[in-house]
Amino acid sequence: MARHNRGLSFYKRRKKISQAAVREIFSWIFGILASVFIAAAASFFFGMTIEVVGISMEPSLYNGQTILVDRFLYILSSPRRGDVVVFLPNGNEKSHYYIKRVVGVPGDTLSIQDGVLYVNGLESEWVTEKILDPGIAGNSYVLESGEYFCIGDNPNNSEDSRSANIGPVREENMIGKAWFHMACEESGMGFVK
């Protein structure tokens, strides 16, 4: 005589995972991986931070101020007059990053006469302060292909392209364009002008 258990049954039934649930899981995994990739790419291209060293860019940027650098822009285009760029002088990786304004682009003729910077015979709109030391721009200087003349916004307290040990900045030594500065005591946050 066989006994049948009519009470509780502890027999486990196999549950089937629906295709909709599998698709939902994979869509979440894809979304997370895509978000991580986009965040890493954005951080690499737009999120490099540099700290301003010295007073050479005052009143635009102040000593100790943190700026964001766009490293992607100069892959697509070349620097223009007025851009504030970050570079390593002569590609020297042991040096700190220099932050200066581009006042001359390839093909331009520059000279500093009586404290005034002339670019292609016209007075530069980017340097308004009287320059006491013309450096290598005391005589007419023509920029070659891939060369940029960069000067600090505070030119009498700036080591820049006028100095023989720095000279014109090669495009391959530029890290990127300064595009945003963080708050400091002297100025608030905002885009670099």
N, C-alpha and C. Protein backbone atom coordinates (compact mmCIF):
# COMPACT_ATOMS: atom_id res chain seq x y z
N MET A 1 0.81 -1.14 0.00
CA MET A 1 0.00 0.00 0.00
C MET A 1 0.89 1.25 0.00
N ALA A 2 0.74 2.06 -0.99
CA ALA A 2 1.57 3.26 -1.14
C ALA A 2 0.87 4.45 -0.52
N ARG A 3 1.67 5.18 0.14
CA ARG A 3 1.13 6.38 0.75
C ARG A 3 1.39 7.58 -0.14
N HIS A 4 0.44 8.38 -0.33
CA HIS A 4 0.59 9.62 -1.08
C HIS A 4 0.56 10.78 -0.10
N ASN A 5 1.52 11.63 -0.25
CA ASN A 5 1.59 12.81 0.59
C ASN A 5 0.64 13.86 0.05
N ARG A 6 -0.38 14.11 0.78
CA ARG A 6 -1.38 15.07 0.32
C ARG A 6 -1.20 16.42 1.00
N GLY A 7 -0.21 16.57 1.83
CA GLY A 7 0.03 17.84 2.53
C GLY A 7 0.92 18.75 1.68
N LEU A 8 1.83 19.38 2.35
CA LEU A 8 2.74 20.30 1.68
C LEU A 8 3.71 19.54 0.80
N SER A 9 4.04 20.15 -0.29
CA SER A 9 5.00 19.54 -1.20
C SER A 9 6.22 20.45 -1.27
N PHE A 10 7.38 19.87 -1.10
CA PHE A 10 8.62 20.64 -1.17
C PHE A 10 9.34 20.44 -2.49
N TYR A 11 8.61 20.02 -3.44
CA TYR A 11 9.15 19.83 -4.77
C TYR A 11 9.40 21.21 -5.39
N LYS A 12 10.63 21.46 -5.87
CA LYS A 12 10.97 22.75 -6.44
C LYS A 12 10.72 22.73 -7.93
N ARG A 13 9.98 23.71 -8.34
CA ARG A 13 9.75 23.84 -9.78
C ARG A 13 10.79 24.79 -10.34
N ARG A 14 11.27 24.51 -11.51
CA ARG A 14 12.24 25.38 -12.17
C ARG A 14 11.51 26.60 -12.71
N LYS A 15 12.07 27.76 -12.37
CA LYS A 15 11.49 28.98 -12.89
C LYS A 15 12.19 29.32 -14.18
N LYS A 16 11.43 29.75 -15.12
CA LYS A 16 12.00 30.16 -16.39
C LYS A 16 12.17 31.68 -16.37
N ILE A 17 13.34 32.11 -16.89
CA ILE A 17 13.59 33.54 -17.00
C ILE A 17 13.05 33.98 -18.34
N SER A 18 12.24 34.99 -18.30
CA SER A 18 11.61 35.44 -19.54
C SER A 18 12.62 36.22 -20.38
N GLN A 19 12.39 36.25 -21.67
CA GLN A 19 13.25 37.00 -22.57
C GLN A 19 13.19 38.49 -22.26
N ALA A 20 12.08 38.97 -21.82
CA ALA A 20 11.94 40.39 -21.48
C ALA A 20 12.86 40.74 -20.31
N ALA A 21 12.95 39.86 -19.33
CA ALA A 21 13.82 40.11 -18.18
C ALA A 21 15.29 40.10 -18.60
N VAL A 22 15.67 39.18 -19.48
CA VAL A 22 17.05 39.12 -19.98
C VAL A 22 17.39 40.39 -20.74
N ARG A 23 16.47 40.85 -21.59
CA ARG A 23 16.69 42.09 -22.34
C ARG A 23 16.84 43.27 -21.38
N GLU A 24 16.03 43.32 -20.35
CA GLU A 24 16.11 44.40 -19.37
C GLU A 24 17.46 44.40 -18.65
N ILE A 25 17.94 43.24 -18.28
CA ILE A 25 19.25 43.13 -17.61
C ILE A 25 20.36 43.62 -18.53
N PHE A 26 20.35 43.16 -19.78
CA PHE A 26 21.39 43.58 -20.73
C PHE A 26 21.29 45.07 -21.06
N SER A 27 20.09 45.61 -21.08
CA SER A 27 19.98 47.05 -21.35
C SER A 27 20.56 47.86 -20.19
N TRP A 28 20.38 47.39 -18.96
CA TRP A 28 20.99 48.06 -17.81
C TRP A 28 22.51 47.97 -17.86
N ILE A 29 23.03 46.79 -18.18
CA ILE A 29 24.49 46.61 -18.27
C ILE A 29 25.06 47.51 -19.36
N PHE A 30 24.40 47.55 -20.53
CA PHE A 30 24.87 48.39 -21.63
C PHE A 30 24.83 49.87 -21.22
N GLY A 31 23.76 50.28 -20.57
CA GLY A 31 23.64 51.68 -20.13
C GLY A 31 24.73 52.08 -19.16
N ILE A 32 25.04 51.19 -18.23
CA ILE A 32 26.10 51.49 -17.24
C ILE A 32 27.45 51.57 -17.94
N LEU A 33 27.76 50.62 -18.82
CA LEU A 33 29.04 50.65 -19.53
C LEU A 33 29.16 51.87 -20.44
N ALA A 34 28.08 52.22 -21.12
CA ALA A 34 28.12 53.42 -21.98
C ALA A 34 28.33 54.67 -21.14
N SER A 35 27.70 54.76 -19.98
CA SER A 35 27.87 55.92 -19.10
C SER A 35 29.30 56.03 -18.60
N VAL A 36 29.90 54.91 -18.22
CA VAL A 36 31.29 54.91 -17.76
C VAL A 36 32.22 55.35 -18.90
N PHE A 37 32.00 54.85 -20.10
CA PHE A 37 32.83 55.23 -21.25
C PHE A 37 32.71 56.73 -21.55
N ILE A 38 31.49 57.24 -21.59
CA ILE A 38 31.28 58.67 -21.87
C ILE A 38 31.91 59.53 -20.78
N ALA A 39 31.76 59.13 -19.52
CA ALA A 39 32.35 59.90 -18.42
C ALA A 39 33.88 59.90 -18.51
N ALA A 40 34.47 58.76 -18.85
CA ALA A 40 35.93 58.69 -18.98
C ALA A 40 36.42 59.54 -20.14
N ALA A 41 35.73 59.49 -21.28
CA ALA A 41 36.12 60.28 -22.44
C ALA A 41 35.97 61.78 -22.15
N ALA A 42 34.88 62.17 -21.54
CA ALA A 42 34.67 63.58 -21.21
C ALA A 42 35.70 64.07 -20.21
N SER A 43 36.03 63.23 -19.24
CA SER A 43 37.04 63.59 -18.25
C SER A 43 38.40 63.77 -18.91
N PHE A 44 38.75 62.89 -19.83
CA PHE A 44 40.05 62.98 -20.51
C PHE A 44 40.13 64.23 -21.38
N PHE A 45 39.10 64.50 -22.17
CA PHE A 45 39.16 65.61 -23.11
C PHE A 45 38.86 66.97 -22.48
N PHE A 46 37.91 67.04 -21.54
CA PHE A 46 37.46 68.32 -21.03
C PHE A 46 37.73 68.53 -19.55
N GLY A 47 38.13 67.50 -18.84
CA GLY A 47 38.22 67.61 -17.40
C GLY A 47 39.60 67.73 -16.82
N MET A 48 40.63 67.96 -17.65
CA MET A 48 41.96 68.14 -17.11
C MET A 48 42.00 69.46 -16.35
N THR A 49 42.47 69.43 -15.12
CA THR A 49 42.55 70.65 -14.33
C THR A 49 44.01 71.05 -14.16
N ILE A 50 44.25 72.33 -14.25
CA ILE A 50 45.58 72.90 -14.09
C ILE A 50 45.45 74.05 -13.10
N GLU A 51 46.47 74.23 -12.28
CA GLU A 51 46.47 75.36 -11.36
C GLU A 51 47.37 76.46 -11.92
N VAL A 52 46.88 77.68 -11.89
CA VAL A 52 47.63 78.83 -12.38
C VAL A 52 48.80 79.07 -11.43
N VAL A 53 50.00 79.22 -12.01
CA VAL A 53 51.21 79.50 -11.24
C VAL A 53 51.67 80.91 -11.58
N GLY A 54 51.69 81.79 -10.60
CA GLY A 54 52.17 83.15 -10.81
C GLY A 54 51.08 84.13 -11.19
N ILE A 55 51.54 85.37 -11.44
CA ILE A 55 50.60 86.48 -11.70
C ILE A 55 50.61 86.91 -13.16
N SER A 56 51.19 86.11 -14.04
CA SER A 56 51.36 86.53 -15.44
C SER A 56 50.05 86.68 -16.21
N MET A 57 48.96 86.08 -15.74
CA MET A 57 47.69 86.16 -16.47
C MET A 57 46.67 87.08 -15.78
N GLU A 58 47.09 87.79 -14.74
CA GLU A 58 46.14 88.71 -14.10
C GLU A 58 45.84 89.87 -15.04
N PRO A 59 44.67 90.38 -15.11
CA PRO A 59 43.51 90.14 -14.24
C PRO A 59 42.58 89.03 -14.73
N SER A 60 42.93 88.32 -15.80
CA SER A 60 42.05 87.26 -16.31
C SER A 60 42.04 86.05 -15.40
N LEU A 61 43.22 85.61 -14.98
CA LEU A 61 43.38 84.44 -14.12
C LEU A 61 44.35 84.79 -12.99
N TYR A 62 44.12 84.23 -11.82
CA TYR A 62 44.92 84.56 -10.64
C TYR A 62 45.74 83.38 -10.17
N ASN A 63 46.85 83.68 -9.47
CA ASN A 63 47.72 82.66 -8.91
C ASN A 63 46.92 81.70 -8.02
N GLY A 64 47.11 80.41 -8.23
CA GLY A 64 46.43 79.39 -7.44
C GLY A 64 45.05 79.02 -7.94
N GLN A 65 44.54 79.73 -8.92
CA GLN A 65 43.21 79.45 -9.45
C GLN A 65 43.26 78.17 -10.29
N THR A 66 42.21 77.37 -10.22
CA THR A 66 42.13 76.13 -10.98
C THR A 66 41.34 76.37 -12.26
N ILE A 67 41.88 75.87 -13.38
CA ILE A 67 41.18 76.01 -14.66
C ILE A 67 40.98 74.63 -15.28
N LEU A 68 39.93 74.53 -16.10
CA LEU A 68 39.68 73.31 -16.87
C LEU A 68 40.26 73.50 -18.26
N VAL A 69 40.85 72.44 -18.79
CA VAL A 69 41.51 72.49 -20.09
C VAL A 69 40.80 71.58 -21.08
N ASP A 70 40.47 72.12 -22.24
CA ASP A 70 39.86 71.35 -23.33
C ASP A 70 41.00 70.81 -24.20
N ARG A 71 41.29 69.51 -24.08
CA ARG A 71 42.38 68.91 -24.85
C ARG A 71 41.92 68.42 -26.21
N PHE A 72 40.64 68.41 -26.45
CA PHE A 72 40.09 67.87 -27.70
C PHE A 72 40.03 68.90 -28.82
N LEU A 73 39.81 70.16 -28.47
CA LEU A 73 39.59 71.22 -29.46
C LEU A 73 40.71 71.32 -30.49
N TYR A 74 41.97 71.24 -30.04
CA TYR A 74 43.09 71.43 -30.96
C TYR A 74 43.42 70.18 -31.76
N ILE A 75 42.68 69.11 -31.55
CA ILE A 75 42.77 67.95 -32.44
C ILE A 75 41.98 68.27 -33.70
N LEU A 76 40.88 69.01 -33.54
CA LEU A 76 40.00 69.35 -34.66
C LEU A 76 40.39 70.65 -35.35
N SER A 77 40.96 71.60 -34.60
CA SER A 77 41.29 72.91 -35.18
C SER A 77 42.59 73.41 -34.59
N SER A 78 43.04 74.55 -35.08
CA SER A 78 44.28 75.16 -34.59
C SER A 78 43.94 76.31 -33.66
N PRO A 79 44.89 76.68 -32.78
CA PRO A 79 44.66 77.82 -31.90
C PRO A 79 44.47 79.11 -32.71
N ARG A 80 43.70 80.02 -32.14
CA ARG A 80 43.45 81.33 -32.78
C ARG A 80 43.92 82.44 -31.86
N ARG A 81 44.10 83.61 -32.46
CA ARG A 81 44.47 84.77 -31.65
C ARG A 81 43.41 84.98 -30.58
N GLY A 82 43.87 85.25 -29.38
CA GLY A 82 42.95 85.48 -28.26
C GLY A 82 42.71 84.26 -27.40
N ASP A 83 43.01 83.05 -27.91
CA ASP A 83 42.84 81.83 -27.10
C ASP A 83 43.81 81.85 -25.93
N VAL A 84 43.35 81.40 -24.77
CA VAL A 84 44.24 81.19 -23.63
C VAL A 84 44.61 79.71 -23.67
N VAL A 85 45.91 79.44 -23.86
CA VAL A 85 46.36 78.07 -24.06
C VAL A 85 47.24 77.60 -22.91
N VAL A 86 47.29 76.29 -22.75
CA VAL A 86 48.15 75.64 -21.77
C VAL A 86 49.20 74.88 -22.56
N PHE A 87 50.47 75.07 -22.20
CA PHE A 87 51.54 74.40 -22.94
C PHE A 87 52.72 74.09 -22.04
N LEU A 88 53.57 73.20 -22.52
CA LEU A 88 54.85 72.92 -21.89
C LEU A 88 55.91 73.63 -22.72
N PRO A 89 56.69 74.53 -22.13
CA PRO A 89 57.67 75.26 -22.93
C PRO A 89 58.70 74.32 -23.54
N ASN A 90 58.86 74.39 -24.85
CA ASN A 90 59.78 73.55 -25.60
C ASN A 90 59.53 72.06 -25.36
N GLY A 91 58.33 71.70 -24.97
CA GLY A 91 57.98 70.29 -24.75
C GLY A 91 58.60 69.70 -23.50
N ASN A 92 59.16 70.52 -22.63
CA ASN A 92 59.84 70.06 -21.42
C ASN A 92 58.82 69.54 -20.41
N GLU A 93 58.75 68.22 -20.27
CA GLU A 93 57.76 67.60 -19.39
C GLU A 93 58.09 67.77 -17.91
N LYS A 94 59.29 68.25 -17.59
CA LYS A 94 59.66 68.47 -16.20
C LYS A 94 59.28 69.87 -15.73
N SER A 95 58.83 70.70 -16.65
CA SER A 95 58.41 72.06 -16.33
C SER A 95 56.94 72.06 -15.89
N HIS A 96 56.53 73.13 -15.20
CA HIS A 96 55.11 73.28 -14.90
C HIS A 96 54.41 73.76 -16.17
N TYR A 97 53.10 73.61 -16.19
CA TYR A 97 52.32 74.06 -17.34
C TYR A 97 52.30 75.58 -17.38
N TYR A 98 52.49 76.16 -18.55
CA TYR A 98 52.39 77.59 -18.75
C TYR A 98 51.00 77.90 -19.30
N ILE A 99 50.44 79.01 -18.87
CA ILE A 99 49.12 79.45 -19.33
C ILE A 99 49.30 80.86 -19.87
N LYS A 100 49.10 81.02 -21.18
CA LYS A 100 49.31 82.32 -21.82
C LYS A 100 48.27 82.53 -22.91
N ARG A 101 48.20 83.78 -23.42
CA ARG A 101 47.26 84.13 -24.48
C ARG A 101 47.98 84.13 -25.82
N VAL A 102 47.36 83.53 -26.84
CA VAL A 102 47.91 83.53 -28.19
C VAL A 102 47.68 84.92 -28.79
N VAL A 103 48.79 85.57 -29.21
CA VAL A 103 48.66 86.88 -29.86
C VAL A 103 49.13 86.84 -31.31
N GLY A 104 49.82 85.76 -31.68
CA GLY A 104 50.29 85.63 -33.05
C GLY A 104 50.19 84.19 -33.51
N VAL A 105 49.75 84.00 -34.76
CA VAL A 105 49.58 82.65 -35.35
C VAL A 105 50.55 82.50 -36.52
N PRO A 106 50.71 81.28 -37.04
CA PRO A 106 51.68 81.07 -38.13
C PRO A 106 51.49 82.06 -39.28
N GLY A 107 52.61 82.61 -39.73
CA GLY A 107 52.59 83.56 -40.83
C GLY A 107 52.54 85.01 -40.38
N ASP A 108 52.21 85.26 -39.11
CA ASP A 108 52.15 86.63 -38.60
C ASP A 108 53.54 87.21 -38.42
N THR A 109 53.64 88.51 -38.58
CA THR A 109 54.87 89.26 -38.30
C THR A 109 54.61 90.09 -37.05
N LEU A 110 55.46 89.90 -36.04
CA LEU A 110 55.28 90.60 -34.77
C LEU A 110 56.47 91.49 -34.48
N SER A 111 56.20 92.59 -33.79
CA SER A 111 57.28 93.43 -33.27
C SER A 111 56.72 94.24 -32.12
N ILE A 112 57.61 94.56 -31.19
CA ILE A 112 57.24 95.40 -30.06
C ILE A 112 58.06 96.68 -30.19
N GLN A 113 57.40 97.77 -30.43
CA GLN A 113 58.04 99.07 -30.61
C GLN A 113 57.46 100.06 -29.60
N ASP A 114 58.33 100.70 -28.85
CA ASP A 114 57.91 101.69 -27.85
C ASP A 114 56.85 101.13 -26.90
N GLY A 115 56.99 99.85 -26.53
CA GLY A 115 56.09 99.23 -25.56
C GLY A 115 54.77 98.74 -26.13
N VAL A 116 54.60 98.83 -27.45
CA VAL A 116 53.34 98.42 -28.08
C VAL A 116 53.60 97.19 -28.95
N LEU A 117 52.74 96.19 -28.83
CA LEU A 117 52.85 94.98 -29.65
C LEU A 117 52.11 95.21 -30.96
N TYR A 118 52.82 95.01 -32.06
CA TYR A 118 52.22 95.11 -33.38
C TYR A 118 52.19 93.73 -34.01
N VAL A 119 51.03 93.36 -34.55
CA VAL A 119 50.86 92.10 -35.27
C VAL A 119 50.46 92.45 -36.69
N ASN A 120 51.31 92.08 -37.64
CA ASN A 120 51.09 92.41 -39.05
C ASN A 120 50.90 93.91 -39.26
N GLY A 121 51.67 94.71 -38.50
CA GLY A 121 51.64 96.16 -38.65
C GLY A 121 50.53 96.86 -37.89
N LEU A 122 49.62 96.09 -37.27
CA LEU A 122 48.51 96.69 -36.52
C LEU A 122 48.71 96.47 -35.02
N GLU A 123 48.26 97.43 -34.24
CA GLU A 123 48.37 97.31 -32.79
C GLU A 123 47.51 96.14 -32.30
N SER A 124 48.08 95.28 -31.45
CA SER A 124 47.36 94.11 -30.95
C SER A 124 46.25 94.50 -30.01
N GLU A 125 45.09 93.90 -30.18
CA GLU A 125 43.96 94.16 -29.29
C GLU A 125 44.09 93.36 -27.99
N TRP A 126 44.99 92.39 -27.93
CA TRP A 126 45.08 91.50 -26.78
C TRP A 126 46.05 91.99 -25.72
N VAL A 127 46.99 92.83 -26.08
CA VAL A 127 47.94 93.36 -25.10
C VAL A 127 47.75 94.87 -25.06
N THR A 128 47.17 95.35 -23.97
CA THR A 128 46.87 96.78 -23.87
C THR A 128 47.86 97.50 -22.96
N GLU A 129 48.57 96.76 -22.13
CA GLU A 129 49.53 97.35 -21.21
C GLU A 129 50.85 97.64 -21.94
N LYS A 130 51.54 98.71 -21.58
CA LYS A 130 52.82 99.04 -22.19
C LYS A 130 53.85 97.97 -21.79
N ILE A 131 54.52 97.38 -22.78
CA ILE A 131 55.48 96.29 -22.55
C ILE A 131 56.86 96.91 -22.36
N LEU A 132 57.48 96.66 -21.20
CA LEU A 132 58.78 97.24 -20.89
C LEU A 132 59.93 96.46 -21.55
N ASP A 133 59.80 95.13 -21.65
CA ASP A 133 60.87 94.31 -22.24
C ASP A 133 60.35 93.61 -23.50
N PRO A 134 60.80 94.05 -24.68
CA PRO A 134 60.31 93.43 -25.91
C PRO A 134 60.89 92.04 -26.17
N GLY A 135 62.02 91.71 -25.56
CA GLY A 135 62.63 90.40 -25.77
C GLY A 135 62.95 90.15 -27.23
N ILE A 136 62.66 88.95 -27.72
CA ILE A 136 62.98 88.60 -29.11
C ILE A 136 62.10 89.33 -30.11
N ALA A 137 61.03 89.96 -29.63
CA ALA A 137 60.14 90.71 -30.54
C ALA A 137 60.56 92.18 -30.67
N GLY A 138 61.75 92.51 -30.12
CA GLY A 138 62.25 93.87 -30.28
C GLY A 138 62.53 94.18 -31.75
N ASN A 139 62.90 93.16 -32.49
CA ASN A 139 63.04 93.26 -33.95
C ASN A 139 61.85 92.53 -34.55
N SER A 140 61.58 92.79 -35.80
CA SER A 140 60.47 92.13 -36.49
C SER A 140 60.69 90.61 -36.46
N TYR A 141 59.65 89.87 -36.09
CA TYR A 141 59.74 88.41 -35.97
C TYR A 141 58.59 87.77 -36.74
N VAL A 142 58.92 86.84 -37.66
CA VAL A 142 57.90 86.15 -38.46
C VAL A 142 57.71 84.74 -37.92
N LEU A 143 56.47 84.38 -37.64
CA LEU A 143 56.15 83.05 -37.12
C LEU A 143 56.09 82.04 -38.26
N GLU A 144 56.76 80.91 -38.07
CA GLU A 144 56.77 79.85 -39.07
C GLU A 144 55.55 78.94 -38.88
N SER A 145 55.40 78.00 -39.77
CA SER A 145 54.29 77.05 -39.69
C SER A 145 54.34 76.30 -38.36
N GLY A 146 53.20 76.22 -37.68
CA GLY A 146 53.12 75.49 -36.41
C GLY A 146 53.62 76.27 -35.21
N GLU A 147 53.97 77.57 -35.39
CA GLU A 147 54.46 78.39 -34.29
C GLU A 147 53.40 79.42 -33.87
N TYR A 148 53.33 79.66 -32.56
CA TYR A 148 52.38 80.61 -32.00
C TYR A 148 53.11 81.50 -31.00
N PHE A 149 52.81 82.79 -31.03
CA PHE A 149 53.42 83.73 -30.10
C PHE A 149 52.44 83.93 -28.96
N CYS A 150 52.87 83.62 -27.74
CA CYS A 150 51.98 83.65 -26.57
C CYS A 150 52.55 84.60 -25.53
N ILE A 151 51.70 85.47 -24.99
CA ILE A 151 52.09 86.45 -23.99
C ILE A 151 51.07 86.42 -22.85
N GLY A 152 51.55 86.67 -21.63
CA GLY A 152 50.67 86.77 -20.48
C GLY A 152 49.87 88.06 -20.52
N ASP A 153 48.69 88.06 -19.93
CA ASP A 153 47.86 89.26 -19.88
C ASP A 153 48.49 90.35 -19.00
N ASN A 154 49.44 89.97 -18.17
CA ASN A 154 50.20 90.90 -17.34
C ASN A 154 51.64 90.85 -17.87
N PRO A 155 51.90 91.43 -19.05
CA PRO A 155 53.15 91.18 -19.77
C PRO A 155 54.42 91.59 -19.06
N ASN A 156 54.36 92.52 -18.14
CA ASN A 156 55.58 92.94 -17.45
C ASN A 156 55.93 92.03 -16.27
N ASN A 157 55.09 91.04 -16.02
CA ASN A 157 55.35 90.03 -14.99
C ASN A 157 55.15 88.65 -15.58
N SER A 158 55.59 88.46 -16.82
CA SER A 158 55.33 87.21 -17.53
C SER A 158 56.57 86.71 -18.26
N GLU A 159 56.85 85.43 -18.08
CA GLU A 159 57.87 84.77 -18.88
C GLU A 159 57.11 84.07 -20.00
N ASP A 160 57.32 84.51 -21.23
CA ASP A 160 56.50 84.02 -22.33
C ASP A 160 57.30 83.95 -23.62
N SER A 161 56.65 84.02 -24.77
CA SER A 161 57.32 83.87 -26.06
C SER A 161 58.38 84.92 -26.33
N ARG A 162 58.35 86.03 -25.61
CA ARG A 162 59.38 87.05 -25.77
C ARG A 162 60.72 86.57 -25.24
N SER A 163 60.69 85.63 -24.29
CA SER A 163 61.92 85.12 -23.68
C SER A 163 62.60 84.15 -24.63
N ALA A 164 63.92 84.30 -24.78
CA ALA A 164 64.67 83.44 -25.70
C ALA A 164 64.62 81.97 -25.27
N ASN A 165 64.52 81.70 -23.95
CA ASN A 165 64.47 80.30 -23.51
C ASN A 165 63.12 79.63 -23.74
N ILE A 166 62.09 80.41 -24.06
CA ILE A 166 60.77 79.84 -24.38
C ILE A 166 60.49 80.02 -25.86
N GLY A 167 60.54 81.24 -26.35
CA GLY A 167 60.31 81.53 -27.77
C GLY A 167 58.91 81.18 -28.21
N PRO A 168 58.68 81.16 -29.52
CA PRO A 168 57.36 80.79 -30.03
C PRO A 168 57.00 79.37 -29.59
N VAL A 169 55.73 79.16 -29.32
CA VAL A 169 55.25 77.86 -28.84
C VAL A 169 54.84 77.01 -30.04
N ARG A 170 55.40 75.80 -30.11
CA ARG A 170 55.04 74.86 -31.17
C ARG A 170 53.67 74.27 -30.85
N GLU A 171 52.86 74.06 -31.88
CA GLU A 171 51.51 73.53 -31.68
C GLU A 171 51.53 72.17 -30.99
N GLU A 172 52.52 71.36 -31.28
CA GLU A 172 52.57 70.02 -30.66
C GLU A 172 52.89 70.09 -29.17
N ASN A 173 53.36 71.23 -28.67
CA ASN A 173 53.63 71.38 -27.24
C ASN A 173 52.44 71.93 -26.48
N MET A 174 51.37 72.27 -27.19
CA MET A 174 50.16 72.78 -26.53
C MET A 174 49.33 71.62 -26.00
N ILE A 175 48.93 71.75 -24.76
CA ILE A 175 48.11 70.74 -24.11
C ILE A 175 46.65 70.94 -24.49
N GLY A 176 46.22 72.19 -24.53
CA GLY A 176 44.83 72.48 -24.88
C GLY A 176 44.48 73.92 -24.58
N LYS A 177 43.20 74.20 -24.68
CA LYS A 177 42.69 75.55 -24.46
C LYS A 177 42.04 75.64 -23.08
N ALA A 178 42.41 76.67 -22.33
CA ALA A 178 41.75 76.93 -21.05
C ALA A 178 40.36 77.45 -21.35
N TRP A 179 39.34 76.81 -20.79
CA TRP A 179 37.99 77.21 -21.15
C TRP A 179 37.12 77.57 -19.96
N PHE A 180 37.49 77.18 -18.76
CA PHE A 180 36.65 77.47 -17.60
C PHE A 180 37.55 77.62 -16.38
N HIS A 181 37.28 78.64 -15.55
CA HIS A 181 38.07 78.79 -14.32
C HIS A 181 37.17 78.68 -13.11
N MET A 182 37.75 78.09 -12.06
CA MET A 182 37.02 77.90 -10.81
C MET A 182 37.11 79.18 -9.99
N ALA A 183 36.28 79.27 -8.99
CA ALA A 183 36.23 80.46 -8.14
C ALA A 183 37.51 80.60 -7.32
N CYS A 184 37.88 81.83 -7.09
CA CYS A 184 38.94 82.15 -6.15
C CYS A 184 38.54 83.46 -5.47
N GLU A 185 39.36 83.95 -4.57
CA GLU A 185 38.99 85.15 -3.82
C GLU A 185 38.79 86.37 -4.72
N GLU A 186 39.65 86.48 -5.78
CA GLU A 186 39.60 87.67 -6.63
C GLU A 186 38.48 87.63 -7.65
N SER A 187 38.11 86.44 -8.13
CA SER A 187 37.07 86.36 -9.16
C SER A 187 36.21 85.14 -8.94
N GLY A 188 35.04 85.15 -9.53
CA GLY A 188 34.14 84.02 -9.42
C GLY A 188 34.44 82.97 -10.47
N MET A 189 33.55 82.01 -10.59
CA MET A 189 33.70 80.98 -11.62
C MET A 189 33.22 81.55 -12.95
N GLY A 190 33.75 80.99 -14.03
CA GLY A 190 33.28 81.44 -15.33
C GLY A 190 34.15 80.96 -16.45
N PHE A 191 33.77 81.31 -17.64
CA PHE A 191 34.52 80.91 -18.83
C PHE A 191 35.72 81.84 -19.00
N VAL A 192 36.83 81.28 -19.46
CA VAL A 192 38.04 82.06 -19.70
C VAL A 192 37.83 82.92 -20.93
N LYS A 193 38.10 84.21 -20.81
CA LYS A 193 37.90 85.14 -21.93
C LYS A 193 39.22 85.43 -22.59
